[in-house]
Amino acid sequence: MENLEDLKIQTLKAIDNATDSKILDEVRVSVLGKKGAITELMKSLASFSVEEKKEMGKKLNILKTEIENALETKKEALATAELNAKLEAERIDVTLPIRPENQGRIHPVSKIYEEVVSIFGEMGFEVAEGPDIEDQFHNFNALNMPANHPARQMQDTFYVPNPESADFDDSYVVRTHTSPVQIRTMENKKPPIRIIAPGRTYRSDYDATHTPMFHQVEGLVIDKNITMAHLKGCLYDFVKAFFELDDIPVRYRPSYFPFTEPSAEMDIGCKKSKTELKIGAGTDWLEILGCGMVHPNVLRAGGIDPDEYQGFAFGVGIDRLAMLKYGIPDLRTFFESDVRWLKHYGFLPLDESSMTGGLSNNGGAAR
């Protein structure tokens, strides 16, 4: 049988001299492969006596282990060296100014979020947040939505099983609106309350104007002697500031929402044609948001006495606002991760929204 010590020295030397992963793998195959030197020696043990087989088998196993350990150590060293070489070759000097064609863009949804927060921040609103996975009490029950309400059906709502209960009524829900934040705020804060709750919401719907995940901003004001006039004035100031118009026609149509009474939908004036939608003075109307006075049952669910306090609430889609303001025709494109789309509709990173510096007139991409 071939001298095992010579084989060990030659193999370890070949492993040490390997300059890349490919060469190292060739060494491994030559020794440990199906036709490798050690593999062939293992096969030849069948012709040995029992004592010789026992002694030689032990030596071969020790040699195989030493070589495997050497291969693994060298493999790690080569991988580290190759990674370092790659990082060095791809190194970017971050102190250099970025090329305009490679500059990142702020997504329109993020831009609208900044604009909405900026406007309502000037009015004294605070930003409130809540979990995306809600219990049915905060998402439905506390908002005066009965068990047979259509919005609670499984074809409209994503439910999450509760691992601690097989009862469907105990299952969780991926929130269908940001209204649960209203309840959580009322539970943890005493009036007066003035908050907006922007965030992601989820419903089982998908077309040009609906997606399974979208963004809303909810508003809530609770205090003594709050009236519908306060709601209308607040929303009128908002749409004027948001669309950056000195005057904009608005109207309120009676509607129904379980969590407000009375309820209304707010329309803004516009001019529609086959190729253009222009917000402002015109002969047409466009529905933009839902609103109303907070229902007494909702106040009670949040731990607030409706005989002492009143409030108003409103909700508007952030994605819809972006579509209206920046002329984006299809909601589904918001979530397709198309860099070309983002380059066209996105905004420069340093164009921050503020009431003093301007909301959107600091420049988005060319339309």
Protein backbone atom coordinates (compact mmCIF):
# COMPACT_ATOMS: atom_id res chain seq x y z
CA MET A 1 0.00 0.00 0.00
CA GLU A 2 1.19 3.49 -0.83
CA ASN A 3 3.11 5.27 1.92
CA LEU A 4 0.44 7.14 3.89
CA GLU A 5 2.89 9.71 5.27
CA ASP A 6 3.97 10.75 1.76
CA LEU A 7 0.33 11.02 0.70
CA LYS A 8 -0.41 13.18 3.74
CA ILE A 9 2.52 15.54 3.07
CA GLN A 10 1.71 15.89 -0.63
CA THR A 11 -2.00 16.51 0.00
CA LEU A 12 -1.48 19.07 2.79
CA LYS A 13 1.05 20.88 0.60
CA ALA A 14 -1.42 20.96 -2.32
CA ILE A 15 -4.13 22.32 0.01
CA ASP A 16 -1.80 25.01 1.33
CA ASN A 17 -0.79 26.05 -2.21
CA ALA A 18 -4.40 26.29 -3.50
CA THR A 19 -5.04 29.88 -4.62
CA ASP A 20 -8.80 29.72 -5.14
CA SER A 21 -11.85 27.61 -4.37
CA LYS A 22 -11.77 25.80 -7.71
CA ILE A 23 -8.22 24.52 -7.24
CA LEU A 24 -9.00 23.52 -3.66
CA ASP A 25 -11.99 21.49 -4.81
CA GLU A 26 -9.82 19.71 -7.38
CA VAL A 27 -7.45 18.69 -4.55
CA ARG A 28 -10.41 17.42 -2.52
CA VAL A 29 -11.72 15.31 -5.40
CA SER A 30 -8.25 13.87 -6.11
CA VAL A 31 -8.03 12.58 -2.55
CA LEU A 32 -11.58 12.09 -1.25
CA GLY A 33 -13.62 11.81 -4.45
CA LYS A 34 -15.12 8.56 -5.78
CA LYS A 35 -11.80 7.73 -7.42
CA GLY A 36 -9.61 9.66 -5.00
CA ALA A 37 -6.41 8.27 -3.46
CA ILE A 38 -7.83 7.70 0.02
CA THR A 39 -11.09 6.30 -1.38
CA GLU A 40 -9.16 3.74 -3.45
CA LEU A 41 -7.10 2.78 -0.41
CA MET A 42 -10.30 2.26 1.56
CA LYS A 43 -11.59 -0.06 -1.17
CA SER A 44 -8.35 -2.11 -1.11
CA LEU A 45 -8.84 -3.00 2.56
CA ALA A 46 -11.03 -5.91 1.49
CA SER A 47 -7.92 -7.90 0.49
CA PHE A 48 -6.23 -7.48 3.87
CA SER A 49 -6.34 -9.81 6.84
CA VAL A 50 -8.53 -8.86 9.80
CA GLU A 51 -5.64 -7.52 11.88
CA GLU A 52 -4.12 -5.61 8.94
CA LYS A 53 -7.53 -4.25 7.99
CA LYS A 54 -8.08 -3.01 11.54
CA GLU A 55 -4.70 -1.29 11.76
CA MET A 56 -4.73 0.18 8.24
CA GLY A 57 -8.36 1.30 8.53
CA LYS A 58 -7.52 3.25 11.68
CA LYS A 59 -4.59 5.01 9.95
CA LEU A 60 -6.72 5.85 6.90
CA ASN A 61 -9.52 7.33 9.05
CA ILE A 62 -7.02 9.49 10.93
CA LEU A 63 -5.51 10.68 7.63
CA LYS A 64 -8.96 11.37 6.14
CA THR A 65 -9.97 13.44 9.18
CA GLU A 66 -6.74 15.50 9.06
CA ILE A 67 -7.21 16.23 5.37
CA GLU A 68 -10.91 17.13 5.79
CA ASN A 69 -10.01 19.56 8.58
CA ALA A 70 -7.27 21.11 6.46
CA LEU A 71 -9.66 21.45 3.52
CA GLU A 72 -12.31 23.16 5.67
CA THR A 73 -9.80 25.59 7.18
CA LYS A 74 -8.42 26.49 3.76
CA LYS A 75 -11.92 26.83 2.33
CA GLU A 76 -12.86 29.39 5.00
CA ALA A 77 -9.62 31.31 4.45
CA LEU A 78 -10.15 31.43 0.68
CA ALA A 79 -13.80 32.50 1.08
CA THR A 80 -12.74 35.35 3.36
CA ALA A 81 -9.98 36.41 0.96
CA GLU A 82 -12.33 36.27 -2.05
CA LEU A 83 -14.98 38.31 -0.22
CA ASN A 84 -12.42 40.93 0.80
CA ALA A 85 -11.17 41.14 -2.78
CA LYS A 86 -14.70 41.56 -4.08
CA LEU A 87 -15.49 44.26 -1.53
CA GLU A 88 -12.28 46.07 -2.40
CA ALA A 89 -13.04 45.92 -6.13
CA GLU A 90 -16.61 47.18 -5.60
CA ARG A 91 -15.71 49.85 -3.08
CA ILE A 92 -17.61 53.11 -3.46
CA ASP A 93 -16.37 56.44 -2.20
CA VAL A 94 -19.44 57.67 -0.36
CA THR A 95 -17.90 61.12 0.02
CA LEU A 96 -18.29 61.72 -3.72
CA PRO A 97 -21.48 63.48 -4.91
CA ILE A 98 -24.04 61.04 -6.32
CA ARG A 99 -24.70 61.06 -10.02
CA PRO A 100 -28.12 62.62 -10.77
CA GLU A 101 -29.22 59.63 -12.84
CA ASN A 102 -28.56 57.28 -9.90
CA GLN A 103 -30.12 59.39 -7.17
CA GLY A 104 -32.82 57.67 -5.13
CA ARG A 105 -36.39 58.93 -4.94
CA ILE A 106 -38.92 59.30 -2.16
CA HIS A 107 -42.08 57.25 -2.82
CA PRO A 108 -45.26 59.35 -3.35
CA VAL A 109 -46.91 57.62 -0.37
CA SER A 110 -44.04 58.72 1.90
CA LYS A 111 -44.28 62.22 0.45
CA ILE A 112 -48.03 62.45 1.09
CA TYR A 113 -47.48 61.13 4.61
CA GLU A 114 -45.07 64.02 5.25
CA GLU A 115 -47.47 66.55 3.76
CA VAL A 116 -50.46 65.34 5.80
CA VAL A 117 -48.45 65.28 9.04
CA SER A 118 -47.09 68.74 8.29
CA ILE A 119 -50.55 70.24 7.69
CA PHE A 120 -52.26 68.70 10.70
CA GLY A 121 -49.19 69.33 12.83
CA GLU A 122 -49.72 73.04 12.24
CA MET A 123 -53.28 72.57 13.52
CA GLY A 124 -52.05 71.03 16.76
CA PHE A 125 -52.61 67.35 15.95
CA GLU A 126 -50.33 64.64 17.33
CA VAL A 127 -49.40 61.47 15.41
CA ALA A 128 -50.68 58.27 17.03
CA GLU A 129 -49.88 54.69 16.03
CA GLY A 130 -51.28 51.23 16.67
CA PRO A 131 -50.62 47.57 15.75
CA ASP A 132 -51.33 46.16 12.28
CA ILE A 133 -52.68 42.95 13.82
CA GLU A 134 -55.73 43.84 15.90
CA ASP A 135 -58.25 42.04 18.07
CA GLN A 136 -61.87 42.18 16.95
CA PHE A 137 -62.86 44.42 19.86
CA HIS A 138 -60.66 47.32 18.75
CA ASN A 139 -61.16 46.76 15.02
CA PHE A 140 -64.94 46.17 15.03
CA ASN A 141 -66.83 45.93 18.33
CA ALA A 142 -65.64 49.17 19.92
CA LEU A 143 -66.37 50.97 16.64
CA ASN A 144 -70.06 50.08 16.82
CA MET A 145 -69.85 47.46 14.08
CA PRO A 146 -72.26 44.55 14.81
CA ALA A 147 -71.33 40.91 14.23
CA ASN A 148 -73.36 40.78 10.98
CA HIS A 149 -71.76 43.89 9.45
CA PRO A 150 -70.62 43.22 5.83
CA ALA A 151 -67.10 44.51 6.56
CA ARG A 152 -66.62 41.63 8.99
CA GLN A 153 -67.19 38.96 6.35
CA MET A 154 -64.22 36.81 5.39
CA GLN A 155 -64.41 37.82 1.73
CA ASP A 156 -63.57 41.40 2.76
CA THR A 157 -61.29 40.93 5.76
CA PHE A 158 -58.07 39.01 6.50
CA TYR A 159 -58.38 37.00 9.73
CA VAL A 160 -55.52 35.54 11.75
CA PRO A 161 -56.20 32.45 13.91
CA ASN A 162 -55.71 32.83 17.64
CA PRO A 163 -53.38 29.99 18.77
CA GLU A 164 -54.94 30.11 22.24
CA SER A 165 -58.58 29.72 21.14
CA ALA A 166 -60.50 27.83 18.48
CA ASP A 167 -63.42 30.27 18.75
CA PHE A 168 -63.70 32.43 15.62
CA ASP A 169 -64.78 35.40 17.74
CA ASP A 170 -61.37 35.29 19.44
CA SER A 171 -59.40 35.32 16.19
CA TYR A 172 -57.32 38.34 15.27
CA VAL A 173 -57.73 40.53 12.21
CA VAL A 174 -55.28 42.38 9.99
CA ARG A 175 -56.73 45.83 10.59
CA THR A 176 -59.17 47.01 7.94
CA HIS A 177 -58.77 50.69 8.86
CA THR A 178 -56.73 52.87 11.21
CA SER A 179 -59.82 53.58 13.35
CA PRO A 180 -58.69 51.12 16.09
CA VAL A 181 -56.02 53.70 16.94
CA GLN A 182 -58.88 56.01 18.00
CA ILE A 183 -60.06 53.47 20.58
CA ARG A 184 -56.56 52.79 21.89
CA THR A 185 -55.95 56.52 22.22
CA MET A 186 -59.19 57.07 24.13
CA GLU A 187 -58.32 54.16 26.44
CA ASN A 188 -54.95 55.64 27.32
CA LYS A 189 -55.47 59.40 27.16
CA LYS A 190 -58.00 61.73 28.72
CA PRO A 191 -59.68 64.49 26.66
CA PRO A 192 -58.96 66.86 25.11
CA ILE A 193 -57.68 64.63 22.31
CA ARG A 194 -56.45 65.76 18.91
CA ILE A 195 -54.65 63.07 16.92
CA ILE A 196 -54.11 61.74 13.42
CA ALA A 197 -53.32 58.07 12.86
CA PRO A 198 -51.59 57.36 9.54
CA GLY A 199 -50.68 53.79 8.69
CA ARG A 200 -51.12 50.65 6.61
CA THR A 201 -54.50 48.94 6.34
CA TYR A 202 -55.60 45.70 4.67
CA ARG A 203 -58.68 44.47 2.82
CA SER A 204 -59.37 41.66 0.41
CA ASP A 205 -59.71 43.76 -2.74
CA TYR A 206 -57.64 44.33 -5.89
CA ASP A 207 -58.26 46.53 -8.94
CA ALA A 208 -57.13 49.88 -10.40
CA THR A 209 -58.31 51.79 -7.32
CA HIS A 210 -58.03 49.09 -4.62
CA THR A 211 -55.17 46.95 -3.32
CA PRO A 212 -54.99 44.36 -0.50
CA MET A 213 -52.63 46.67 1.40
CA PHE A 214 -53.08 50.44 1.31
CA HIS A 215 -52.56 53.51 3.48
CA GLN A 216 -55.01 55.63 5.45
CA VAL A 217 -54.88 58.55 7.81
CA GLU A 218 -57.50 58.78 10.52
CA GLY A 219 -58.28 61.97 12.44
CA LEU A 220 -59.89 62.31 15.85
CA VAL A 221 -60.79 65.34 17.96
CA ILE A 222 -62.56 65.01 21.32
CA ASP A 223 -63.37 67.85 23.68
CA LYS A 224 -66.32 69.61 25.23
CA ASN A 225 -68.67 71.49 22.89
CA ILE A 226 -67.19 70.10 19.65
CA THR A 227 -69.59 70.53 16.71
CA MET A 228 -69.92 69.69 13.04
CA ALA A 229 -68.78 73.24 12.28
CA HIS A 230 -65.38 72.45 13.80
CA LEU A 231 -65.11 69.36 11.59
CA LYS A 232 -66.01 71.26 8.41
CA GLY A 233 -63.59 74.08 9.18
CA CYS A 234 -60.75 71.67 9.93
CA LEU A 235 -61.24 69.68 6.72
CA TYR A 236 -61.67 72.79 4.58
CA ASP A 237 -58.36 74.17 5.84
CA PHE A 238 -56.76 70.79 5.18
CA VAL A 239 -57.83 70.44 1.52
CA LYS A 240 -56.85 74.06 0.79
CA ALA A 241 -53.38 73.50 2.22
CA PHE A 242 -52.96 70.05 0.71
CA PHE A 243 -53.90 70.99 -2.85
CA GLU A 244 -52.14 74.35 -2.39
CA LEU A 245 -55.15 76.40 -3.51
CA ASP A 246 -56.37 79.69 -2.08
CA ASP A 247 -59.98 78.60 -2.52
CA ILE A 248 -61.60 75.26 -3.25
CA PRO A 249 -65.32 74.40 -3.44
CA VAL A 250 -66.43 71.73 -0.95
CA ARG A 251 -69.70 70.08 -0.08
CA TYR A 252 -70.87 67.43 2.39
CA ARG A 253 -73.30 64.67 1.52
CA PRO A 254 -75.12 62.65 4.20
CA SER A 255 -73.72 59.14 4.50
CA TYR A 256 -73.54 56.23 6.95
CA PHE A 257 -70.64 54.93 9.00
CA PRO A 258 -71.24 52.79 12.12
CA PHE A 259 -68.74 54.79 14.18
CA THR A 260 -70.06 58.31 13.46
CA GLU A 261 -73.48 59.97 13.73
CA PRO A 262 -74.23 62.10 11.82
CA SER A 263 -71.94 60.92 9.03
CA ALA A 264 -70.96 62.61 5.79
CA GLU A 265 -68.79 62.28 2.72
CA MET A 266 -66.78 65.30 1.68
CA ASP A 267 -66.62 66.28 -2.00
CA ILE A 268 -64.25 68.81 -3.54
CA GLY A 269 -64.82 70.83 -6.70
CA CYS A 270 -63.05 69.79 -9.87
CA LYS A 271 -63.17 69.87 -13.63
CA LYS A 272 -63.19 66.52 -15.42
CA SER A 273 -62.45 65.74 -19.02
CA LYS A 274 -61.45 62.62 -20.92
CA THR A 275 -57.76 63.41 -20.48
CA GLU A 276 -57.56 65.56 -17.36
CA LEU A 277 -58.81 66.00 -13.80
CA LYS A 278 -58.22 69.46 -12.40
CA ILE A 279 -58.85 70.08 -8.71
CA GLY A 280 -60.49 73.42 -7.88
CA ALA A 281 -63.22 75.51 -9.44
CA GLY A 282 -65.33 73.57 -11.91
CA THR A 283 -68.73 72.07 -12.53
CA ASP A 284 -67.90 68.56 -11.25
CA TRP A 285 -67.47 67.03 -7.82
CA LEU A 286 -65.07 64.41 -6.49
CA GLU A 287 -65.54 62.43 -3.26
CA ILE A 288 -62.37 62.59 -1.17
CA LEU A 289 -63.05 61.38 2.37
CA GLY A 290 -65.57 60.21 4.97
CA CYS A 291 -66.22 61.98 8.26
CA GLY A 292 -68.73 62.63 11.03
CA MET A 293 -69.34 63.17 14.72
CA VAL A 294 -68.06 60.33 16.89
CA HIS A 295 -70.90 57.96 17.82
CA PRO A 296 -71.74 57.92 21.57
CA ASN A 297 -71.25 54.14 21.62
CA VAL A 298 -67.67 54.58 20.35
CA LEU A 299 -66.95 57.15 23.07
CA ARG A 300 -68.29 54.74 25.71
CA ALA A 301 -66.18 51.89 24.33
CA GLY A 302 -63.11 54.12 24.69
CA GLY A 303 -63.99 54.95 28.29
CA ILE A 304 -65.24 58.51 27.65
CA ASP A 305 -68.57 59.89 28.86
CA PRO A 306 -70.60 60.98 25.76
CA ASP A 307 -72.78 63.23 27.93
CA GLU A 308 -69.73 65.33 28.75
CA TYR A 309 -67.59 65.08 25.63
CA GLN A 310 -68.21 65.14 21.90
CA GLY A 311 -65.86 64.70 19.01
CA PHE A 312 -65.42 64.35 15.29
CA ALA A 313 -63.49 61.88 13.19
CA PHE A 314 -62.48 61.54 9.55
CA GLY A 315 -60.58 59.10 7.37
CA VAL A 316 -58.89 59.52 4.02
CA GLY A 317 -56.75 57.26 1.85
CA ILE A 318 -53.14 58.42 1.56
CA ASP A 319 -52.70 56.53 -1.71
CA ARG A 320 -55.85 58.18 -3.10
CA LEU A 321 -54.53 61.61 -2.15
CA ALA A 322 -51.32 60.83 -4.01
CA MET A 323 -53.25 59.73 -7.09
CA LEU A 324 -55.30 62.93 -7.10
CA LYS A 325 -52.48 65.36 -6.40
CA TYR A 326 -49.82 63.87 -8.64
CA GLY A 327 -51.93 62.43 -11.46
CA ILE A 328 -51.22 58.73 -10.88
CA PRO A 329 -53.89 56.69 -12.72
CA ASP A 330 -53.49 53.18 -11.25
CA LEU A 331 -53.13 52.37 -7.54
CA ARG A 332 -51.54 48.98 -8.22
CA THR A 333 -48.38 50.61 -9.59
CA PHE A 334 -47.65 51.99 -6.11
CA PHE A 335 -46.60 48.51 -4.98
CA GLU A 336 -44.90 47.02 -8.06
CA SER A 337 -41.35 48.18 -7.14
CA ASP A 338 -40.73 49.55 -10.64
CA VAL A 339 -37.69 51.85 -10.47
CA ARG A 340 -38.77 53.62 -13.67
CA TRP A 341 -42.14 54.46 -12.11
CA LEU A 342 -40.46 55.71 -8.94
CA LYS A 343 -38.08 57.87 -10.97
CA HIS A 344 -41.04 59.47 -12.70
CA TYR A 345 -43.36 59.99 -9.72
CA GLY A 346 -40.83 60.07 -6.87
CA PHE A 347 -39.33 63.07 -5.07
CA LEU A 348 -35.81 64.15 -4.29
CA PRO A 349 -34.69 62.97 -0.83
CA LEU A 350 -34.00 66.45 0.53
CA ASP A 351 -37.34 67.93 -0.56
CA GLU A 352 -38.95 67.85 2.87
CA SER A 353 -42.56 68.92 3.26
CA SER A 354 -43.37 71.85 5.55
CA MET A 355 -45.99 74.56 5.74
CA THR A 356 -43.29 77.23 5.72
CA GLY A 357 -41.01 75.80 3.06
CA GLY A 358 -43.74 74.40 0.84
CA LEU A 359 -45.40 71.03 0.54
CA SER A 360 -44.70 69.77 -2.96
CA ASN A 361 -43.42 72.75 -4.95
CA ASN A 362 -39.78 71.99 -4.18
CA GLY A 363 -39.73 69.54 -7.00
CA GLY A 364 -40.67 65.98 -7.70
CA ALA A 365 -39.60 64.11 -10.77
CA ALA A 366 -40.62 65.40 -14.15
CA ARG A 367 -44.21 64.48 -14.85
